[in-house]
Amino acid sequence: MKKMLVTSIAATLGILSSVAQAADDFTVQLKWVTQAQFAGYYVAKDNGYYEEEGLNVTIKPGGPDIAPPQVIAGGGADVVVDWMPSALASREKGVALVNIAQPFKRSGMMLTCRKETGIKEPADFAGKTLGVWFYGNEYPFLSWMSKLSLATDGSDQGVTVLKQGFNVDPILQKQADCVSTMTYNEYWQIIDAGIPAEELEVFKYEEQGVSTMEDGLYVLEENLNDAAFVDKAARFVRASMKGWQFARDNPDEAADIVLENDASGAQTEKHQRRMMGEINKLTEGSDGRLDPADYQRTVDTLLSGGSDPVITKAPEGAWTHVVIDKAM
């Protein structure tokens, strides 16, 4: 009897061990540093949602010198978080990225200006200096300027583009009349730096008709031919969307999870909790399925660049519902 019991325990442990070993490795490259912008993924990892799906997920933070398309092209990730303009531009240049899920339903991108510059509407941008992020983040801006028929060459009838670092120093130091901001991040950095909201003029890209999709999940097209990869990706998406739902239902707890995962220690509780509230406004209503109308609006915006459009032709095969259908 004792021998049978020992054998049974050993068999059970063996099964548990094999289950643990069977977890599939999966790596996600974020677009930026650890912050509430990516709370859904950190929540899914910390709450065990990925583990429940049989996944061993590695989350790689981004940074100013990290381009997600380059990382995935070099084999450094299975999936990346990127903005659609960057992904489509990369696809046209030969990195065949495909959108498999779209956790963010709305855009948080804005141009924030000092009222003292006299800017009251987009037509007032002419002759002004505007801070712009690059590394793929400039595409929505360039499409907007093209729509306004404003050259970006520094001419009197155009605008001067200041290559903005990932901070708001240019507007604080009056080096730029306006700077790029997100509803959930840099705008509040300006406020916290001492410039009150009543002294600012804010232009949301969504309200200017140049809204493009942000923070989608992208994989390499070739990997979608592998049924095993599609299965892993579906499990990743399912667990991630569960994480995003938790973040909406428990914003403070989700922000705390982000802070616990911030190895740099640079984030603050006040900023991350506030950011989480703003991020939840952008993911609300999304089940992870990309709306073809949102995709088409982004493509149309990027194609409307006059003589220098962000993309030169309508992409083919740049998104799929295969993974989200399997996930949901």
Protein backbone atom coordinates (compact mmCIF):
# COMPACT_ATOMS: atom_id res chain seq x y z
CA MET A 1 0.00 0.00 0.00
CA LYS A 2 2.81 2.37 0.96
CA LYS A 3 4.61 1.57 -2.31
CA MET A 4 1.44 2.31 -4.28
CA LEU A 5 1.00 5.64 -2.45
CA VAL A 6 4.58 6.67 -3.17
CA THR A 7 4.15 5.67 -6.80
CA SER A 8 0.92 7.68 -7.02
CA ILE A 9 2.54 10.78 -5.51
CA ALA A 10 5.50 10.46 -7.84
CA ALA A 11 3.18 10.15 -10.82
CA THR A 12 1.23 13.21 -9.74
CA LEU A 13 4.39 15.23 -9.28
CA GLY A 14 5.56 14.05 -12.66
CA ILE A 15 2.35 15.27 -14.28
CA LEU A 16 2.59 18.64 -12.53
CA SER A 17 6.21 18.93 -13.57
CA SER A 18 5.41 18.16 -17.19
CA VAL A 19 2.58 20.74 -17.14
CA ALA A 20 4.94 23.36 -15.75
CA GLN A 21 7.54 22.50 -18.38
CA ALA A 22 4.91 22.66 -21.11
CA ALA A 23 4.40 26.40 -20.70
CA ASP A 24 5.12 28.13 -24.01
CA ASP A 25 7.57 31.01 -24.01
CA PHE A 26 6.18 34.22 -25.53
CA THR A 27 7.84 37.64 -25.62
CA VAL A 28 6.16 41.01 -26.03
CA GLN A 29 8.11 44.18 -26.83
CA LEU A 30 6.46 47.34 -25.51
CA LYS A 31 6.54 50.64 -27.37
CA TRP A 32 7.77 52.61 -24.37
CA VAL A 33 8.98 52.30 -20.78
CA THR A 34 7.05 50.57 -18.01
CA GLN A 35 3.98 52.67 -17.27
CA ALA A 36 0.19 52.42 -17.07
CA GLN A 37 0.00 52.65 -20.86
CA PHE A 38 0.83 48.92 -20.77
CA ALA A 39 -1.01 47.98 -17.58
CA GLY A 40 -3.05 45.21 -19.21
CA TYR A 41 0.07 43.15 -19.90
CA TYR A 42 1.61 43.63 -16.46
CA VAL A 43 -1.71 42.81 -14.81
CA ALA A 44 -2.10 39.67 -16.92
CA LYS A 45 1.37 38.52 -15.89
CA ASP A 46 1.09 39.39 -12.19
CA ASN A 47 -2.44 38.01 -11.81
CA GLY A 48 -1.46 34.73 -13.43
CA TYR A 49 -3.64 35.10 -16.53
CA TYR A 50 -0.78 34.16 -18.85
CA GLU A 51 0.13 31.21 -16.66
CA GLU A 52 -3.47 30.02 -16.80
CA GLU A 53 -3.14 30.02 -20.59
CA GLY A 54 0.02 27.92 -20.44
CA LEU A 55 2.28 30.82 -21.34
CA ASN A 56 5.57 32.00 -19.90
CA VAL A 57 5.45 35.64 -21.00
CA THR A 58 8.42 37.98 -20.99
CA ILE A 59 7.57 41.69 -21.11
CA LYS A 60 10.34 43.85 -22.56
CA PRO A 61 10.05 47.58 -21.82
CA GLY A 62 10.78 50.01 -24.62
CA GLY A 63 12.69 53.26 -24.60
CA PRO A 64 13.94 56.13 -26.76
CA ASP A 65 16.43 53.91 -28.60
CA ILE A 66 14.13 50.91 -29.07
CA ALA A 67 12.05 50.55 -32.23
CA PRO A 68 9.56 47.66 -31.89
CA PRO A 69 9.56 46.83 -35.65
CA GLN A 70 13.33 46.42 -35.57
CA VAL A 71 13.14 44.24 -32.46
CA ILE A 72 10.62 41.81 -33.94
CA ALA A 73 12.38 41.78 -37.32
CA GLY A 74 15.54 40.75 -35.50
CA GLY A 75 13.81 37.92 -33.64
CA GLY A 76 13.76 39.70 -30.29
CA ALA A 77 10.00 39.40 -29.75
CA ASP A 78 6.98 37.35 -30.80
CA VAL A 79 4.63 40.33 -30.69
CA VAL A 80 5.11 44.08 -30.38
CA VAL A 81 2.98 46.95 -29.15
CA ASP A 82 3.13 49.71 -31.74
CA TRP A 83 1.13 52.53 -33.28
CA MET A 84 -0.51 51.69 -36.60
CA PRO A 85 1.22 54.48 -38.59
CA SER A 86 4.60 53.11 -37.54
CA ALA A 87 3.55 49.54 -38.26
CA LEU A 88 2.18 50.35 -41.73
CA ALA A 89 5.22 52.44 -42.63
CA SER A 90 7.45 49.56 -41.51
CA ARG A 91 5.38 47.12 -43.57
CA GLU A 92 5.87 49.21 -46.70
CA LYS A 93 9.61 49.22 -46.00
CA GLY A 94 9.75 45.42 -45.84
CA VAL A 95 8.96 44.46 -42.23
CA ALA A 96 5.68 42.60 -42.79
CA LEU A 97 3.83 43.48 -39.58
CA VAL A 98 0.21 42.37 -39.15
CA ASN A 99 -2.24 43.71 -36.58
CA ILE A 100 -3.75 40.80 -34.64
CA ALA A 101 -5.53 42.77 -31.91
CA GLN A 102 -6.38 46.38 -31.04
CA PRO A 103 -6.75 46.96 -27.27
CA PHE A 104 -6.84 50.76 -27.75
CA LYS A 105 -10.04 52.06 -29.33
CA ARG A 106 -9.21 55.77 -29.29
CA SER A 107 -6.20 58.03 -29.81
CA GLY A 108 -4.62 60.01 -26.98
CA MET A 109 -2.35 62.14 -29.13
CA MET A 110 -2.47 65.94 -28.90
CA LEU A 111 -0.55 69.08 -29.74
CA THR A 112 -0.40 71.35 -26.70
CA CYS A 113 0.41 75.07 -27.10
CA ARG A 114 0.90 78.09 -24.87
CA LYS A 115 -2.02 80.49 -25.37
CA GLU A 116 0.40 83.42 -25.17
CA THR A 117 1.71 82.41 -28.62
CA GLY A 118 -1.60 83.52 -30.13
CA ILE A 119 -2.48 80.07 -31.43
CA LYS A 120 -6.23 79.59 -31.26
CA GLU A 121 -6.81 77.24 -34.19
CA PRO A 122 -4.69 75.07 -36.51
CA ALA A 123 -4.50 77.83 -39.11
CA ASP A 124 -2.40 79.77 -36.58
CA PHE A 125 0.39 77.15 -36.72
CA ALA A 126 1.93 78.92 -39.74
CA GLY A 127 5.26 80.46 -38.81
CA LYS A 128 5.36 78.66 -35.45
CA THR A 129 7.76 76.10 -33.99
CA LEU A 130 6.17 72.78 -33.15
CA GLY A 131 7.77 70.00 -31.10
CA VAL A 132 7.40 66.61 -32.74
CA TRP A 133 8.39 63.11 -31.66
CA PHE A 134 10.19 60.97 -34.21
CA TYR A 135 11.07 57.24 -34.34
CA GLY A 136 7.74 56.50 -36.05
CA ASN A 137 5.68 58.86 -33.90
CA GLU A 138 5.93 61.71 -36.42
CA TYR A 139 3.65 60.14 -39.03
CA PRO A 140 0.28 61.38 -37.69
CA PHE A 141 1.75 64.89 -37.34
CA LEU A 142 3.08 64.94 -40.91
CA SER A 143 -0.29 63.78 -42.24
CA TRP A 144 -2.01 66.55 -40.30
CA MET A 145 0.32 69.25 -41.61
CA SER A 146 -0.23 67.96 -45.13
CA LYS A 147 -3.98 68.19 -44.63
CA LEU A 148 -3.51 71.82 -43.51
CA SER A 149 -1.25 72.48 -46.53
CA LEU A 150 1.52 73.57 -44.17
CA ALA A 151 5.07 72.80 -45.22
CA THR A 152 7.38 71.47 -42.52
CA ASP A 153 10.49 73.15 -43.90
CA GLY A 154 10.60 76.14 -41.56
CA SER A 155 9.28 78.59 -44.15
CA ASP A 156 7.16 81.58 -43.12
CA GLN A 157 4.02 79.97 -44.52
CA GLY A 158 4.89 76.61 -43.04
CA VAL A 159 6.02 75.37 -39.64
CA THR A 160 9.38 74.78 -38.07
CA VAL A 161 9.67 71.26 -36.70
CA LEU A 162 11.66 70.87 -33.51
CA LYS A 163 12.73 67.28 -32.95
CA GLN A 164 11.27 66.79 -29.50
CA GLY A 165 12.81 64.48 -26.95
CA PHE A 166 10.45 62.38 -24.88
CA ASN A 167 9.79 65.23 -22.48
CA VAL A 168 8.07 68.64 -22.52
CA ASP A 169 11.14 70.82 -22.00
CA PRO A 170 10.69 72.76 -25.28
CA ILE A 171 7.40 74.32 -24.15
CA LEU A 172 8.60 74.89 -20.59
CA GLN A 173 11.71 76.65 -21.87
CA LYS A 174 9.77 78.42 -24.66
CA GLN A 175 11.88 76.80 -27.37
CA ALA A 176 8.66 75.68 -29.07
CA ASP A 177 5.19 77.21 -29.31
CA CYS A 178 3.57 73.78 -29.11
CA VAL A 179 4.73 70.29 -28.21
CA SER A 180 3.47 66.77 -28.78
CA THR A 181 1.65 65.34 -25.78
CA MET A 182 -0.53 62.38 -24.86
CA THR A 183 -3.74 62.77 -22.87
CA TYR A 184 -2.35 60.38 -20.28
CA ASN A 185 1.24 61.52 -19.95
CA GLU A 186 3.05 64.61 -21.22
CA TYR A 187 0.06 66.95 -20.90
CA TRP A 188 0.09 66.32 -17.16
CA GLN A 189 3.83 66.84 -17.04
CA ILE A 190 3.23 70.38 -18.30
CA ILE A 191 0.55 70.92 -15.67
CA ASP A 192 2.78 69.54 -12.92
CA ALA A 193 5.60 71.81 -14.10
CA GLY A 194 3.49 74.82 -13.19
CA ILE A 195 1.67 75.87 -16.37
CA PRO A 196 -2.07 75.80 -15.58
CA ALA A 197 -4.61 74.38 -18.02
CA GLU A 198 -6.17 77.81 -18.63
CA GLU A 199 -2.87 78.97 -20.16
CA LEU A 200 -2.82 76.10 -22.66
CA GLU A 201 -4.53 75.49 -25.99
CA VAL A 202 -4.97 71.81 -26.74
CA PHE A 203 -5.60 70.22 -30.14
CA LYS A 204 -6.60 66.55 -30.05
CA TYR A 205 -5.77 64.65 -33.21
CA GLU A 206 -9.12 62.84 -33.05
CA GLU A 207 -10.96 66.16 -33.17
CA GLN A 208 -8.86 67.34 -36.13
CA GLY A 209 -9.83 64.46 -38.39
CA VAL A 210 -6.36 62.93 -38.37
CA SER A 211 -6.87 60.28 -35.73
CA THR A 212 -4.82 57.13 -36.22
CA MET A 213 -4.85 53.91 -34.23
CA GLU A 214 -2.38 53.51 -31.39
CA ASP A 215 -1.09 50.63 -29.23
CA GLY A 216 -2.09 47.63 -31.30
CA LEU A 217 -0.53 44.17 -31.18
CA TYR A 218 1.55 43.20 -34.22
CA VAL A 219 3.28 40.00 -35.34
CA LEU A 220 5.29 39.04 -38.39
CA GLU A 221 3.08 37.86 -41.25
CA GLU A 222 5.11 34.71 -41.83
CA ASN A 223 4.38 33.47 -38.31
CA LEU A 224 0.63 33.44 -38.99
CA ASN A 225 1.21 30.42 -41.26
CA ASP A 226 2.22 28.43 -38.16
CA ALA A 227 -0.86 27.00 -36.38
CA ALA A 228 1.11 26.57 -33.15
CA PHE A 229 2.13 30.23 -33.18
CA VAL A 230 -1.43 31.37 -33.86
CA ASP A 231 -2.57 29.30 -30.89
CA LYS A 232 0.03 30.90 -28.60
CA ALA A 233 -0.83 34.36 -29.89
CA ALA A 234 -4.53 33.75 -29.27
CA ARG A 235 -3.85 32.68 -25.70
CA PHE A 236 -1.69 35.76 -25.22
CA VAL A 237 -4.40 38.07 -26.55
CA ARG A 238 -7.12 36.42 -24.47
CA ALA A 239 -5.12 36.79 -21.25
CA SER A 240 -4.05 40.35 -22.14
CA MET A 241 -7.62 41.50 -22.74
CA LYS A 242 -8.54 39.98 -19.39
CA GLY A 243 -5.75 42.11 -17.92
CA TRP A 244 -7.12 45.24 -19.58
CA GLN A 245 -10.60 44.54 -18.21
CA PHE A 246 -9.13 44.18 -14.72
CA ALA A 247 -7.35 47.52 -15.18
CA ARG A 248 -10.63 49.21 -16.04
CA ASP A 249 -12.40 47.63 -13.08
CA ASN A 250 -9.52 48.18 -10.62
CA PRO A 251 -7.51 51.19 -11.83
CA ASP A 252 -5.62 51.90 -8.61
CA GLU A 253 -4.63 48.27 -8.14
CA ALA A 254 -3.54 48.05 -11.77
CA ALA A 255 -1.42 51.19 -11.37
CA ASP A 256 0.19 49.66 -8.28
CA ILE A 257 1.07 46.54 -10.29
CA VAL A 258 2.74 48.75 -12.89
CA LEU A 259 4.75 50.50 -10.18
CA GLU A 260 5.87 47.15 -8.77
CA ASN A 261 7.21 46.24 -12.22
CA ASP A 262 9.00 49.53 -12.81
CA ALA A 263 12.63 48.50 -12.40
CA SER A 264 13.79 52.07 -13.01
CA GLY A 265 11.86 53.42 -10.03
CA ALA A 266 11.23 56.58 -12.06
CA GLN A 267 7.44 56.47 -11.94
CA THR A 268 5.34 57.96 -9.14
CA GLU A 269 2.08 56.72 -7.66
CA LYS A 270 0.30 60.00 -8.41
CA HIS A 271 1.30 60.01 -12.08
CA GLN A 272 0.62 56.32 -12.71
CA ARG A 273 -2.80 56.33 -11.06
CA ARG A 274 -3.76 59.41 -13.05
CA MET A 275 -2.37 57.84 -16.20
CA MET A 276 -4.34 54.65 -15.58
CA GLY A 277 -7.56 56.65 -15.44
CA GLU A 278 -6.78 58.32 -18.76
CA ILE A 279 -5.66 55.09 -20.43
CA ASN A 280 -8.91 53.39 -19.45
CA LYS A 281 -10.77 56.03 -21.47
CA LEU A 282 -8.84 54.92 -24.55
CA THR A 283 -9.37 51.16 -24.11
CA GLU A 284 -13.01 51.38 -23.02
CA GLY A 285 -15.32 49.53 -25.38
CA SER A 286 -12.58 47.45 -26.98
CA ASP A 287 -12.68 43.67 -26.89
CA GLY A 288 -9.40 43.54 -28.80
CA ARG A 289 -10.99 43.25 -32.23
CA LEU A 290 -9.75 45.81 -34.76
CA ASP A 291 -12.65 47.67 -36.38
CA PRO A 292 -11.98 47.69 -40.16
CA ALA A 293 -13.40 51.24 -40.28
CA ASP A 294 -10.76 52.41 -37.77
CA TYR A 295 -8.08 50.72 -39.86
CA GLN A 296 -9.32 52.34 -43.07
CA ARG A 297 -9.47 55.77 -41.47
CA THR A 298 -5.84 55.39 -40.42
CA VAL A 299 -4.80 54.29 -43.90
CA ASP A 300 -6.66 57.17 -45.55
CA THR A 301 -4.97 59.64 -43.19
CA LEU A 302 -1.52 58.25 -43.94
CA LEU A 303 -2.12 58.28 -47.69
CA SER A 304 -3.20 61.92 -47.65
CA GLY A 305 0.33 63.26 -47.49
CA GLY A 306 0.36 65.10 -50.79
CA SER A 307 3.72 64.68 -52.53
CA ASP A 308 5.24 63.02 -49.47
CA PRO A 309 2.68 60.63 -47.91
CA VAL A 310 3.61 58.38 -44.99
CA ILE A 311 2.67 55.34 -47.10
CA THR A 312 2.44 55.40 -50.88
CA LYS A 313 -0.21 52.72 -51.44
CA ALA A 314 -2.99 50.98 -49.57
CA PRO A 315 -1.51 48.01 -47.68
CA GLU A 316 -2.73 44.48 -48.25
CA GLY A 317 -2.86 41.87 -45.50
CA ALA A 318 -1.90 44.34 -42.77
CA TRP A 319 -4.50 43.06 -40.29
CA THR A 320 -6.30 39.85 -39.48
CA HIS A 321 -9.07 38.62 -37.20
CA VAL A 322 -7.75 35.05 -37.23
CA VAL A 323 -6.06 35.40 -33.84
CA ILE A 324 -8.79 37.39 -32.09
CA ASP A 325 -11.45 34.99 -33.38
CA LYS A 326 -9.53 32.10 -31.87
CA ALA A 327 -8.94 34.05 -28.65
CA MET A 328 -12.54 35.09 -28.10
